[in-house]
């Protein structure tokens, strides 16, 4: 895996992903941070909540917006264990997240560096700074183990 310690916010996102896996959800976790303070965490919960929009990023963004009392999360960072899908990338843009850090790439469902490439479209209202690959090995291993156990 990595040769150096994970940044604490990615480690926290991975812990959320582990909680999702333990609950039988796809192991993805997210953390929203502003000025070094964790505002919210989230994990995948679509089965638990019977809500297809209950992705880790959406859960964390909703909780952070509630904590701040605002739909705009300007100056915030989002740390997530997997490249966001198109829905989550759209939510990131609408929330005005300043920086997105994600671990593993998702060639099949990702929409940042793959697929729809949401932030590359001229219609995108806001483009966060994007940093990929932080903790990719750990996140990918967790996802592989989760899906192998279900085959």
N, C-alpha and C. Protein backbone atom coordinates (compact mmCIF):
# COMPACT_ATOMS: atom_id res chain seq x y z
N UNK A 1 0.84 -1.17 0.00
CA UNK A 1 0.00 0.00 0.00
C UNK A 1 0.90 1.24 0.00
N UNK A 2 0.55 2.27 0.76
CA UNK A 2 1.39 3.47 0.74
C UNK A 2 2.62 3.27 1.62
N UNK A 3 3.65 4.03 1.30
CA UNK A 3 4.89 3.95 2.07
C UNK A 3 4.94 5.01 3.16
N UNK A 4 3.96 5.83 3.27
CA UNK A 4 3.91 6.89 4.27
C UNK A 4 2.51 6.90 4.87
N UNK A 5 2.36 7.52 6.01
CA UNK A 5 1.04 7.54 6.64
C UNK A 5 0.02 8.28 5.76
N UNK A 6 -1.20 7.81 5.81
CA UNK A 6 -2.28 8.50 5.10
C UNK A 6 -2.57 9.83 5.79
N UNK A 7 -2.97 10.84 5.02
CA UNK A 7 -3.44 12.06 5.67
C UNK A 7 -4.61 11.71 6.59
N UNK A 8 -4.72 12.37 7.72
CA UNK A 8 -5.75 11.99 8.70
C UNK A 8 -7.17 12.04 8.15
N UNK A 9 -7.46 12.96 7.24
CA UNK A 9 -8.82 13.04 6.72
C UNK A 9 -9.14 11.87 5.80
N UNK A 10 -8.14 11.39 5.05
CA UNK A 10 -8.37 10.21 4.22
C UNK A 10 -8.48 8.97 5.10
N UNK A 11 -7.70 8.92 6.17
CA UNK A 11 -7.82 7.80 7.10
C UNK A 11 -9.23 7.77 7.70
N UNK A 12 -9.76 8.93 8.02
CA UNK A 12 -11.13 9.02 8.55
C UNK A 12 -12.15 8.59 7.50
N UNK A 13 -11.95 8.98 6.25
CA UNK A 13 -12.84 8.56 5.17
C UNK A 13 -12.78 7.03 5.00
N UNK A 14 -11.59 6.46 5.09
CA UNK A 14 -11.46 5.00 5.00
C UNK A 14 -12.15 4.30 6.17
N UNK A 15 -12.09 4.90 7.35
CA UNK A 15 -12.81 4.33 8.50
C UNK A 15 -14.32 4.33 8.24
N UNK A 16 -14.81 5.40 7.61
CA UNK A 16 -16.23 5.46 7.24
C UNK A 16 -16.55 4.37 6.21
N UNK A 17 -15.64 4.16 5.27
CA UNK A 17 -15.84 3.11 4.26
C UNK A 17 -15.91 1.74 4.92
N UNK A 18 -15.08 1.51 5.91
CA UNK A 18 -15.11 0.24 6.65
C UNK A 18 -16.45 0.05 7.36
N UNK A 19 -17.00 1.12 7.92
CA UNK A 19 -18.32 1.05 8.55
C UNK A 19 -19.39 0.71 7.53
N UNK A 20 -19.28 1.29 6.34
CA UNK A 20 -20.23 0.97 5.28
C UNK A 20 -20.15 -0.51 4.94
N UNK A 21 -18.94 -1.03 4.77
CA UNK A 21 -18.77 -2.45 4.44
C UNK A 21 -19.37 -3.34 5.52
N UNK A 22 -19.13 -3.00 6.78
CA UNK A 22 -19.67 -3.78 7.89
C UNK A 22 -21.19 -3.81 7.88
N UNK A 23 -21.80 -2.77 7.32
CA UNK A 23 -23.26 -2.69 7.23
C UNK A 23 -23.78 -3.30 5.93
N UNK A 24 -22.88 -3.86 5.11
CA UNK A 24 -23.29 -4.47 3.86
C UNK A 24 -23.43 -3.51 2.70
N UNK A 25 -22.95 -2.28 2.89
CA UNK A 25 -22.98 -1.27 1.83
C UNK A 25 -21.64 -1.26 1.10
N UNK A 26 -21.63 -0.78 -0.14
CA UNK A 26 -20.36 -0.64 -0.87
C UNK A 26 -19.46 0.28 -0.04
N UNK A 27 -18.23 -0.14 0.24
CA UNK A 27 -17.37 0.60 1.17
C UNK A 27 -16.77 1.90 0.60
N UNK A 28 -17.53 2.95 0.73
CA UNK A 28 -17.08 4.28 0.34
C UNK A 28 -17.36 5.22 1.50
N UNK A 29 -16.38 6.04 1.83
CA UNK A 29 -16.52 7.00 2.92
C UNK A 29 -16.07 8.37 2.48
N UNK A 30 -16.58 9.39 3.17
CA UNK A 30 -16.27 10.78 2.83
C UNK A 30 -16.20 11.63 4.08
N UNK A 31 -15.43 12.71 3.98
CA UNK A 31 -15.25 13.66 5.08
C UNK A 31 -15.22 15.07 4.50
N UNK A 32 -15.94 16.00 5.13
CA UNK A 32 -15.88 17.41 4.75
C UNK A 32 -15.13 18.15 5.84
N UNK A 33 -14.14 18.94 5.40
CA UNK A 33 -13.26 19.67 6.31
C UNK A 33 -13.23 21.14 5.90
N UNK A 34 -13.20 22.02 6.89
CA UNK A 34 -12.94 23.44 6.61
C UNK A 34 -12.03 23.99 7.69
N UNK A 35 -10.99 24.68 7.25
CA UNK A 35 -10.01 25.28 8.15
C UNK A 35 -9.46 24.27 9.16
N UNK A 36 -9.21 23.04 8.68
CA UNK A 36 -8.64 22.02 9.54
C UNK A 36 -9.62 21.36 10.49
N UNK A 37 -10.88 21.72 10.42
CA UNK A 37 -11.89 21.15 11.31
C UNK A 37 -12.83 20.24 10.52
N UNK A 38 -13.04 19.03 11.02
CA UNK A 38 -13.97 18.11 10.39
C UNK A 38 -15.39 18.61 10.67
N UNK A 39 -16.11 18.91 9.60
CA UNK A 39 -17.50 19.36 9.73
C UNK A 39 -18.48 18.20 9.70
N UNK A 40 -18.16 17.18 8.88
CA UNK A 40 -19.09 16.08 8.71
C UNK A 40 -18.38 14.89 8.09
N UNK A 41 -18.95 13.71 8.34
CA UNK A 41 -18.51 12.49 7.70
C UNK A 41 -19.72 11.84 7.05
N UNK A 42 -19.45 10.95 6.14
CA UNK A 42 -20.54 10.21 5.49
C UNK A 42 -20.03 8.88 4.98
N UNK A 43 -20.95 7.96 4.83
CA UNK A 43 -20.62 6.67 4.25
C UNK A 43 -21.79 6.24 3.37
N UNK A 44 -21.53 5.33 2.48
CA UNK A 44 -22.61 4.84 1.63
C UNK A 44 -23.72 4.24 2.48
N UNK A 45 -24.97 4.61 2.16
CA UNK A 45 -26.13 4.10 2.89
C UNK A 45 -27.36 3.89 2.01
N UNK A 46 -27.24 3.66 0.72
CA UNK A 46 -28.45 3.54 -0.09
C UNK A 46 -29.35 2.38 0.30
N UNK A 47 -28.79 1.25 0.69
CA UNK A 47 -29.62 0.11 1.10
C UNK A 47 -30.28 0.37 2.44
N UNK A 48 -29.50 0.87 3.38
CA UNK A 48 -30.03 1.16 4.72
C UNK A 48 -31.17 2.18 4.67
N UNK A 49 -30.99 3.21 3.88
CA UNK A 49 -31.98 4.30 3.82
C UNK A 49 -33.01 4.13 2.70
N UNK A 50 -32.84 3.09 1.90
CA UNK A 50 -33.72 2.89 0.74
C UNK A 50 -33.75 4.16 -0.11
N UNK A 51 -32.53 4.66 -0.37
CA UNK A 51 -32.37 5.93 -1.08
C UNK A 51 -31.17 5.83 -2.02
N UNK A 52 -31.43 5.77 -3.32
CA UNK A 52 -30.30 5.64 -4.26
C UNK A 52 -29.36 6.84 -4.27
N UNK A 53 -29.75 7.96 -3.69
CA UNK A 53 -28.87 9.14 -3.64
C UNK A 53 -28.01 9.17 -2.37
N UNK A 54 -28.13 8.19 -1.54
CA UNK A 54 -27.43 8.19 -0.25
C UNK A 54 -25.98 7.70 -0.38
N UNK A 55 -25.25 8.34 -1.28
CA UNK A 55 -23.82 8.05 -1.44
C UNK A 55 -23.04 8.77 -0.33
N UNK A 56 -21.83 8.31 -0.08
CA UNK A 56 -21.00 8.87 0.99
C UNK A 56 -20.82 10.38 0.84
N UNK A 57 -20.55 10.84 -0.39
CA UNK A 57 -20.34 12.27 -0.62
C UNK A 57 -21.59 13.07 -0.32
N UNK A 58 -22.74 12.58 -0.75
CA UNK A 58 -24.01 13.27 -0.51
C UNK A 58 -24.30 13.33 0.98
N UNK A 59 -24.09 12.22 1.67
CA UNK A 59 -24.31 12.19 3.13
C UNK A 59 -23.43 13.23 3.83
N UNK A 60 -22.14 13.29 3.45
CA UNK A 60 -21.22 14.23 4.09
C UNK A 60 -21.56 15.68 3.73
N UNK A 61 -21.90 15.92 2.48
CA UNK A 61 -22.26 17.28 2.04
C UNK A 61 -23.52 17.75 2.76
N UNK A 62 -24.53 16.89 2.85
CA UNK A 62 -25.77 17.27 3.56
C UNK A 62 -25.50 17.61 5.02
N UNK A 63 -24.70 16.77 5.67
CA UNK A 63 -24.40 17.01 7.09
C UNK A 63 -23.58 18.28 7.28
N UNK A 64 -22.63 18.54 6.40
CA UNK A 64 -21.82 19.75 6.50
C UNK A 64 -22.68 21.00 6.26
N UNK A 65 -23.58 20.93 5.29
CA UNK A 65 -24.46 22.07 5.02
C UNK A 65 -25.34 22.36 6.24
N UNK A 66 -25.82 21.31 6.89
CA UNK A 66 -26.61 21.50 8.11
C UNK A 66 -25.75 22.12 9.22
N UNK A 67 -24.53 21.63 9.37
CA UNK A 67 -23.63 22.15 10.41
C UNK A 67 -23.32 23.62 10.19
N UNK A 68 -23.17 24.02 8.93
CA UNK A 68 -22.84 25.41 8.62
C UNK A 68 -24.08 26.29 8.48
N UNK A 69 -25.23 25.67 8.30
CA UNK A 69 -26.46 26.44 8.08
C UNK A 69 -26.45 27.13 6.73
N UNK A 70 -25.83 26.48 5.74
CA UNK A 70 -25.73 27.06 4.41
C UNK A 70 -25.61 25.96 3.37
N UNK A 71 -26.19 26.20 2.20
CA UNK A 71 -26.06 25.23 1.10
C UNK A 71 -24.73 25.37 0.37
N UNK A 72 -24.01 26.43 0.64
CA UNK A 72 -22.71 26.66 0.02
C UNK A 72 -21.60 26.26 1.00
N UNK A 73 -20.75 25.39 0.55
CA UNK A 73 -19.65 24.91 1.39
C UNK A 73 -18.33 25.49 0.90
N UNK A 74 -18.35 26.80 0.67
CA UNK A 74 -17.16 27.49 0.18
C UNK A 74 -16.02 27.36 1.18
N UNK A 75 -14.83 27.14 0.66
CA UNK A 75 -13.65 26.97 1.52
C UNK A 75 -13.52 25.58 2.10
N UNK A 76 -14.42 24.68 1.75
CA UNK A 76 -14.39 23.31 2.30
C UNK A 76 -13.65 22.37 1.38
N UNK A 77 -13.13 21.32 1.99
CA UNK A 77 -12.48 20.22 1.28
C UNK A 77 -13.35 18.99 1.45
N UNK A 78 -13.41 18.16 0.42
CA UNK A 78 -14.09 16.87 0.50
C UNK A 78 -13.06 15.79 0.26
N UNK A 79 -12.94 14.88 1.20
CA UNK A 79 -12.05 13.73 1.11
C UNK A 79 -12.93 12.51 0.94
N UNK A 80 -12.70 11.74 -0.13
CA UNK A 80 -13.55 10.58 -0.40
C UNK A 80 -12.69 9.42 -0.91
N UNK A 81 -13.12 8.21 -0.63
CA UNK A 81 -12.31 7.04 -0.93
C UNK A 81 -12.39 6.55 -2.36
N UNK A 82 -13.35 7.04 -3.15
CA UNK A 82 -13.50 6.62 -4.53
C UNK A 82 -13.86 7.83 -5.39
N UNK A 83 -13.38 7.84 -6.61
CA UNK A 83 -13.71 8.91 -7.56
C UNK A 83 -15.23 9.10 -7.60
N UNK A 84 -15.71 10.31 -7.40
CA UNK A 84 -17.15 10.54 -7.39
C UNK A 84 -17.84 10.23 -8.72
N UNK A 85 -19.08 9.77 -8.61
CA UNK A 85 -19.93 9.52 -9.78
C UNK A 85 -20.47 10.88 -10.28
N UNK A 86 -21.23 10.84 -11.36
CA UNK A 86 -21.77 12.08 -11.94
C UNK A 86 -22.69 12.81 -10.96
N UNK A 87 -23.53 12.06 -10.24
CA UNK A 87 -24.44 12.70 -9.28
C UNK A 87 -23.64 13.42 -8.19
N UNK A 88 -22.65 12.74 -7.66
CA UNK A 88 -21.86 13.34 -6.57
C UNK A 88 -21.00 14.49 -7.07
N UNK A 89 -20.44 14.36 -8.27
CA UNK A 89 -19.66 15.46 -8.84
C UNK A 89 -20.54 16.68 -9.03
N UNK A 90 -21.78 16.49 -9.47
CA UNK A 90 -22.73 17.60 -9.60
C UNK A 90 -23.01 18.25 -8.26
N UNK A 91 -23.19 17.43 -7.22
CA UNK A 91 -23.43 17.96 -5.88
C UNK A 91 -22.21 18.74 -5.37
N UNK A 92 -21.02 18.25 -5.67
CA UNK A 92 -19.78 18.93 -5.27
C UNK A 92 -19.73 20.31 -5.92
N UNK A 93 -20.06 20.37 -7.19
CA UNK A 93 -20.06 21.66 -7.90
C UNK A 93 -21.11 22.59 -7.31
N UNK A 94 -22.33 22.10 -7.09
CA UNK A 94 -23.39 22.95 -6.55
C UNK A 94 -23.09 23.41 -5.13
N UNK A 95 -22.40 22.59 -4.36
CA UNK A 95 -22.04 22.96 -2.99
C UNK A 95 -20.86 23.92 -2.93
N UNK A 96 -20.19 24.09 -4.06
CA UNK A 96 -19.03 24.98 -4.15
C UNK A 96 -17.85 24.49 -3.29
N UNK A 97 -17.68 23.16 -3.25
CA UNK A 97 -16.53 22.58 -2.54
C UNK A 97 -15.25 23.12 -3.19
N UNK A 98 -14.32 23.59 -2.39
CA UNK A 98 -13.10 24.20 -2.92
C UNK A 98 -12.10 23.16 -3.43
N UNK A 99 -11.92 22.07 -2.66
CA UNK A 99 -10.93 21.07 -3.02
C UNK A 99 -11.52 19.67 -2.83
N UNK A 100 -11.28 18.82 -3.81
CA UNK A 100 -11.71 17.42 -3.77
C UNK A 100 -10.47 16.55 -3.74
N UNK A 101 -10.37 15.68 -2.74
CA UNK A 101 -9.31 14.70 -2.64
C UNK A 101 -9.97 13.33 -2.71
N UNK A 102 -9.55 12.49 -3.66
CA UNK A 102 -10.11 11.14 -3.66
C UNK A 102 -9.01 10.11 -3.81
N UNK A 103 -9.32 8.91 -3.31
CA UNK A 103 -8.34 7.83 -3.27
C UNK A 103 -8.31 7.07 -4.59
N UNK A 104 -9.16 6.08 -4.73
CA UNK A 104 -9.14 5.21 -5.90
C UNK A 104 -9.90 5.82 -7.07
N UNK A 105 -9.37 5.59 -8.26
CA UNK A 105 -10.08 5.97 -9.49
C UNK A 105 -11.17 4.94 -9.76
N UNK A 106 -12.19 5.35 -10.50
CA UNK A 106 -13.30 4.46 -10.83
C UNK A 106 -13.58 4.55 -12.32
N UNK A 107 -12.92 3.68 -13.08
CA UNK A 107 -13.08 3.71 -14.54
C UNK A 107 -14.50 3.43 -14.97
N UNK A 108 -15.23 2.66 -14.18
CA UNK A 108 -16.59 2.25 -14.54
C UNK A 108 -17.64 3.31 -14.20
N UNK A 109 -17.57 3.88 -13.02
CA UNK A 109 -18.62 4.80 -12.58
C UNK A 109 -18.17 6.20 -12.23
N UNK A 110 -16.86 6.44 -12.26
CA UNK A 110 -16.35 7.76 -11.90
C UNK A 110 -16.70 8.80 -12.95
N UNK A 111 -16.78 10.05 -12.51
CA UNK A 111 -17.15 11.13 -13.43
C UNK A 111 -16.27 12.36 -13.26
N UNK A 112 -15.07 12.17 -12.71
CA UNK A 112 -14.12 13.26 -12.56
C UNK A 112 -13.02 13.10 -13.60
N UNK A 113 -12.28 12.01 -13.53
CA UNK A 113 -11.24 11.75 -14.53
C UNK A 113 -11.70 10.73 -15.56
N UNK A 114 -12.85 10.13 -15.35
CA UNK A 114 -13.41 9.13 -16.26
C UNK A 114 -14.83 9.55 -16.64
N UNK A 115 -15.41 8.81 -17.56
CA UNK A 115 -16.82 8.98 -17.91
C UNK A 115 -17.20 10.40 -18.25
N UNK A 116 -18.18 10.92 -17.55
CA UNK A 116 -18.77 12.24 -17.85
C UNK A 116 -17.80 13.40 -17.66
N UNK A 117 -16.79 13.24 -16.83
CA UNK A 117 -15.83 14.33 -16.55
C UNK A 117 -16.58 15.65 -16.28
N UNK A 118 -17.41 15.60 -15.29
CA UNK A 118 -18.34 16.69 -14.97
C UNK A 118 -17.66 18.05 -14.87
N UNK A 119 -16.52 18.12 -14.23
CA UNK A 119 -15.87 19.42 -14.00
C UNK A 119 -15.25 20.01 -15.27
N UNK A 120 -15.12 19.19 -16.32
CA UNK A 120 -14.55 19.67 -17.57
C UNK A 120 -15.58 20.35 -18.48
N UNK A 121 -16.86 20.20 -18.18
CA UNK A 121 -17.91 20.77 -19.04
C UNK A 121 -18.03 22.27 -18.85
N UNK A 122 -18.21 23.01 -19.92
CA UNK A 122 -18.39 24.46 -19.80
C UNK A 122 -19.62 24.84 -18.97
N UNK A 123 -20.60 23.93 -18.91
CA UNK A 123 -21.82 24.20 -18.13
C UNK A 123 -21.62 24.01 -16.63
N UNK A 124 -20.50 23.45 -16.23
CA UNK A 124 -20.24 23.23 -14.81
C UNK A 124 -20.13 24.57 -14.10
N UNK A 125 -20.93 24.76 -13.07
CA UNK A 125 -21.02 26.04 -12.35
C UNK A 125 -19.79 26.36 -11.50
N UNK A 126 -19.12 25.32 -11.05
CA UNK A 126 -17.97 25.49 -10.15
C UNK A 126 -17.04 24.30 -10.34
N UNK A 127 -15.75 24.56 -10.36
CA UNK A 127 -14.75 23.51 -10.52
C UNK A 127 -13.83 23.50 -9.30
N UNK A 128 -13.88 22.44 -8.51
CA UNK A 128 -12.96 22.38 -7.37
C UNK A 128 -11.56 22.02 -7.85
N UNK A 129 -10.57 22.30 -7.03
CA UNK A 129 -9.24 21.75 -7.26
C UNK A 129 -9.38 20.25 -6.98
N UNK A 130 -8.75 19.42 -7.80
CA UNK A 130 -8.88 17.97 -7.65
C UNK A 130 -7.52 17.34 -7.43
N UNK A 131 -7.44 16.48 -6.42
CA UNK A 131 -6.23 15.74 -6.09
C UNK A 131 -6.61 14.26 -5.98
N UNK A 132 -6.07 13.44 -6.87
CA UNK A 132 -6.45 12.03 -6.94
C UNK A 132 -5.32 11.12 -6.47
N UNK A 133 -5.68 9.93 -6.05
CA UNK A 133 -4.72 8.89 -5.75
C UNK A 133 -4.23 8.83 -4.31
N UNK A 134 -4.75 9.65 -3.43
CA UNK A 134 -4.31 9.68 -2.04
C UNK A 134 -4.96 8.52 -1.29
N UNK A 135 -4.18 7.50 -0.97
CA UNK A 135 -4.73 6.31 -0.32
C UNK A 135 -5.41 5.37 -1.30
N UNK A 136 -5.05 5.47 -2.57
CA UNK A 136 -5.70 4.66 -3.60
C UNK A 136 -5.54 3.16 -3.34
N UNK A 137 -4.36 2.74 -2.91
CA UNK A 137 -4.14 1.32 -2.66
C UNK A 137 -5.04 0.77 -1.58
N UNK A 138 -5.16 1.50 -0.49
CA UNK A 138 -6.00 1.07 0.62
C UNK A 138 -7.48 1.03 0.22
N UNK A 139 -7.93 2.06 -0.46
CA UNK A 139 -9.34 2.12 -0.86
C UNK A 139 -9.67 1.03 -1.87
N UNK A 140 -8.78 0.83 -2.84
CA UNK A 140 -9.01 -0.20 -3.85
C UNK A 140 -9.02 -1.60 -3.22
N UNK A 141 -8.12 -1.84 -2.28
CA UNK A 141 -8.07 -3.15 -1.61
C UNK A 141 -9.36 -3.41 -0.84
N UNK A 142 -9.88 -2.38 -0.18
CA UNK A 142 -11.13 -2.52 0.57
C UNK A 142 -12.29 -2.85 -0.38
N UNK A 143 -12.36 -2.16 -1.49
CA UNK A 143 -13.41 -2.43 -2.48
C UNK A 143 -13.28 -3.83 -3.07
N UNK A 144 -12.05 -4.23 -3.43
CA UNK A 144 -11.84 -5.59 -3.99
C UNK A 144 -12.28 -6.66 -3.01
N UNK A 145 -11.87 -6.52 -1.75
CA UNK A 145 -12.23 -7.51 -0.74
C UNK A 145 -13.75 -7.58 -0.55
N UNK A 146 -14.39 -6.44 -0.55
CA UNK A 146 -15.84 -6.38 -0.39
C UNK A 146 -16.54 -7.15 -1.51
N UNK A 147 -16.15 -6.89 -2.74
CA UNK A 147 -16.82 -7.53 -3.87
C UNK A 147 -16.43 -9.00 -4.03
N UNK A 148 -15.19 -9.36 -3.70
CA UNK A 148 -14.78 -10.76 -3.75
C UNK A 148 -15.57 -11.60 -2.77
N UNK A 149 -15.85 -11.04 -1.61
CA UNK A 149 -16.62 -11.77 -0.58
C UNK A 149 -18.06 -12.02 -1.03
N UNK A 150 -18.54 -11.25 -2.00
CA UNK A 150 -19.92 -11.39 -2.46
C UNK A 150 -20.05 -12.24 -3.71
N UNK A 151 -18.95 -12.67 -4.28
CA UNK A 151 -19.00 -13.50 -5.51
C UNK A 151 -19.12 -14.95 -5.19
